[in-house]
Amino acid sequence: MWANLAAAAVLLVLVGAGCLALQALKKGRPRRADGQGRITGRCGESVAIGLSFRGERVVEAAARSDGCAYSCTCALAAARLAKGRTAVEVLDIGAAAIERAAGGVPADHRHCATLAAAALQAAVDDYMQRRPAHTGGKSAG
């Protein structure tokens, strides 16, 4: 009986910690985002990613999701994969890479990785559209 109670208490603590971590993820955002992307899937869940660049590389990436645990995990994995990469390199991050970085996603939740990849692409697109304003409109050449 005590073993069952102890196991239940441990499970309750783990679930509580997981819920707190998910709530923190749902509210995450970079201090200063140079590019932001938000995508809502047909499932109704949204993933938002903000990227901050220093020079040509992502120095900070944050993610939010109002969806399930898999959506939050994929958003976090996508943000983690973006750090240290150039905008072009971030565009190469696809759903399969995000699934692997998330530790695997069940078949019925693979759309979560697709949403995260689309949010990354939208953040890079936003960054690229804003970029001329940051560089003073200078062209290379």
Protein backbone atom coordinates (compact mmCIF):
# COMPACT_ATOMS: atom_id res chain seq x y z
CA MET A 1 0.00 0.00 0.00
CA TRP A 2 2.77 2.47 0.91
CA ALA A 3 4.58 1.66 -2.31
CA ASN A 4 1.46 2.53 -4.31
CA LEU A 5 1.03 5.79 -2.42
CA ALA A 6 4.70 6.68 -2.95
CA ALA A 7 4.44 5.89 -6.66
CA ALA A 8 1.29 8.00 -6.93
CA ALA A 9 3.00 10.90 -5.15
CA VAL A 10 6.01 10.72 -7.48
CA LEU A 11 3.72 10.63 -10.49
CA LEU A 12 1.81 13.64 -9.21
CA VAL A 13 5.04 15.61 -8.73
CA LEU A 14 6.24 14.70 -12.24
CA VAL A 15 2.93 15.67 -13.82
CA GLY A 16 2.90 18.95 -11.90
CA ALA A 17 6.46 19.75 -12.97
CA GLY A 18 5.59 18.92 -16.55
CA CYS A 19 2.57 21.21 -16.46
CA LEU A 20 4.66 24.07 -15.07
CA ALA A 21 7.27 23.53 -17.79
CA LEU A 22 4.58 23.54 -20.47
CA GLN A 23 3.07 26.74 -19.10
CA ALA A 24 6.50 28.38 -19.20
CA LEU A 25 6.90 27.23 -22.80
CA LYS A 26 3.49 28.53 -23.75
CA LYS A 27 4.56 32.00 -22.60
CA GLY A 28 8.16 31.95 -23.91
CA ARG A 29 9.37 34.73 -26.15
CA PRO A 30 12.78 36.21 -26.88
CA ARG A 31 13.68 39.52 -25.32
CA ARG A 32 14.11 41.03 -28.77
CA ALA A 33 12.84 39.12 -31.78
CA ASP A 34 14.17 40.11 -35.18
CA GLY A 35 11.78 37.68 -36.82
CA GLN A 36 8.54 36.16 -35.58
CA GLY A 37 6.36 33.47 -37.04
CA ARG A 38 3.04 32.08 -35.88
CA ILE A 39 1.20 29.25 -37.58
CA THR A 40 -2.17 27.76 -36.66
CA GLY A 41 -2.88 24.28 -37.90
CA ARG A 42 -6.14 22.69 -38.97
CA CYS A 43 -6.21 21.11 -35.50
CA GLY A 44 -6.61 24.61 -34.03
CA GLU A 45 -3.24 24.59 -32.24
CA SER A 46 -0.76 27.40 -32.81
CA VAL A 47 3.02 27.47 -32.69
CA ALA A 48 4.88 30.78 -32.48
CA ILE A 49 8.64 31.15 -32.77
CA GLY A 50 10.76 34.26 -32.32
CA LEU A 51 14.34 34.50 -33.54
CA SER A 52 16.97 37.05 -32.51
CA PHE A 53 20.04 37.46 -34.71
CA ARG A 54 23.49 38.83 -34.04
CA GLY A 55 25.26 39.28 -37.28
CA GLU A 56 24.10 36.45 -39.50
CA ARG A 57 23.38 33.88 -36.77
CA VAL A 58 20.48 33.15 -34.47
CA VAL A 59 21.59 33.93 -30.92
CA GLU A 60 18.25 33.48 -29.21
CA ALA A 61 15.20 31.49 -30.17
CA ALA A 62 12.03 31.12 -28.19
CA ALA A 63 8.84 29.20 -28.81
CA ARG A 64 5.25 29.22 -27.65
CA SER A 65 2.39 26.87 -28.28
CA ASP A 66 -1.19 26.79 -27.14
CA GLY A 67 -1.44 23.13 -28.06
CA CYS A 68 -0.76 19.70 -26.67
CA ALA A 69 2.48 18.44 -25.12
CA TYR A 70 3.74 17.25 -28.53
CA SER A 71 3.11 20.66 -30.04
CA CYS A 72 5.03 22.32 -27.21
CA THR A 73 7.86 19.79 -27.45
CA CYS A 74 8.19 20.25 -31.22
CA ALA A 75 8.15 24.05 -30.87
CA LEU A 76 10.90 23.90 -28.26
CA ALA A 77 12.94 21.48 -30.40
CA ALA A 78 12.60 23.77 -33.43
CA ALA A 79 13.80 26.78 -31.44
CA ARG A 80 16.72 24.77 -30.07
CA LEU A 81 17.71 23.64 -33.59
CA ALA A 82 17.66 27.22 -34.89
CA LYS A 83 20.19 28.56 -32.38
CA GLY A 84 23.60 29.20 -33.88
CA ARG A 85 22.42 28.86 -37.49
CA THR A 86 22.10 31.38 -40.28
CA ALA A 87 18.72 32.28 -41.72
CA VAL A 88 19.35 30.05 -44.74
CA GLU A 89 20.35 27.15 -42.49
CA VAL A 90 17.19 27.61 -40.41
CA LEU A 91 15.11 27.33 -43.58
CA ASP A 92 16.61 23.86 -44.07
CA ILE A 93 15.20 22.62 -40.75
CA GLY A 94 12.27 20.40 -41.63
CA ALA A 95 9.65 18.45 -39.75
CA ALA A 96 11.73 15.24 -39.76
CA ALA A 97 14.67 16.98 -38.04
CA ILE A 98 12.29 18.51 -35.49
CA GLU A 99 10.71 15.11 -34.80
CA ARG A 100 14.17 13.62 -34.16
CA ALA A 101 15.18 16.53 -31.93
CA ALA A 102 11.94 16.14 -29.99
CA GLY A 103 12.78 12.50 -29.29
CA GLY A 104 10.14 11.11 -31.61
CA VAL A 105 6.51 11.95 -32.15
CA PRO A 106 3.61 9.51 -32.53
CA ALA A 107 2.19 9.25 -36.06
CA ASP A 108 -1.05 10.97 -35.04
CA HIS A 109 0.92 14.02 -33.81
CA ARG A 110 3.42 14.46 -36.64
CA HIS A 111 1.54 17.58 -37.70
CA CYS A 112 3.01 19.23 -34.58
CA ALA A 113 6.50 19.01 -36.11
CA THR A 114 5.14 20.34 -39.40
CA LEU A 115 3.61 23.32 -37.57
CA ALA A 116 6.91 24.02 -35.80
CA ALA A 117 8.84 23.88 -39.10
CA ALA A 118 6.33 26.25 -40.71
CA ALA A 119 6.62 28.66 -37.76
CA LEU A 120 10.42 28.64 -38.14
CA GLN A 121 10.09 29.44 -41.83
CA ALA A 122 7.62 32.22 -41.08
CA ALA A 123 10.03 33.69 -38.49
CA VAL A 124 12.86 33.68 -41.04
CA ASP A 125 10.58 35.23 -43.66
CA ASP A 126 9.65 37.97 -41.19
CA TYR A 127 13.33 38.55 -40.37
CA MET A 128 14.26 38.76 -44.05
CA GLN A 129 11.47 41.29 -44.72
CA ARG A 130 12.56 43.46 -41.79
CA ARG A 131 16.27 43.09 -42.48
CA PRO A 132 16.69 45.98 -44.97
CA ALA A 133 15.44 48.34 -42.25
CA HIS A 134 18.11 47.00 -39.87
CA THR A 135 20.95 47.33 -42.38
CA GLY A 136 19.94 50.79 -43.52
CA GLY A 137 18.85 49.48 -46.90
CA LYS A 138 22.46 48.83 -47.98
CA SER A 139 22.94 46.28 -50.69
CA ALA A 140 25.86 43.95 -51.08
CA GLY A 141 27.55 44.96 -54.26
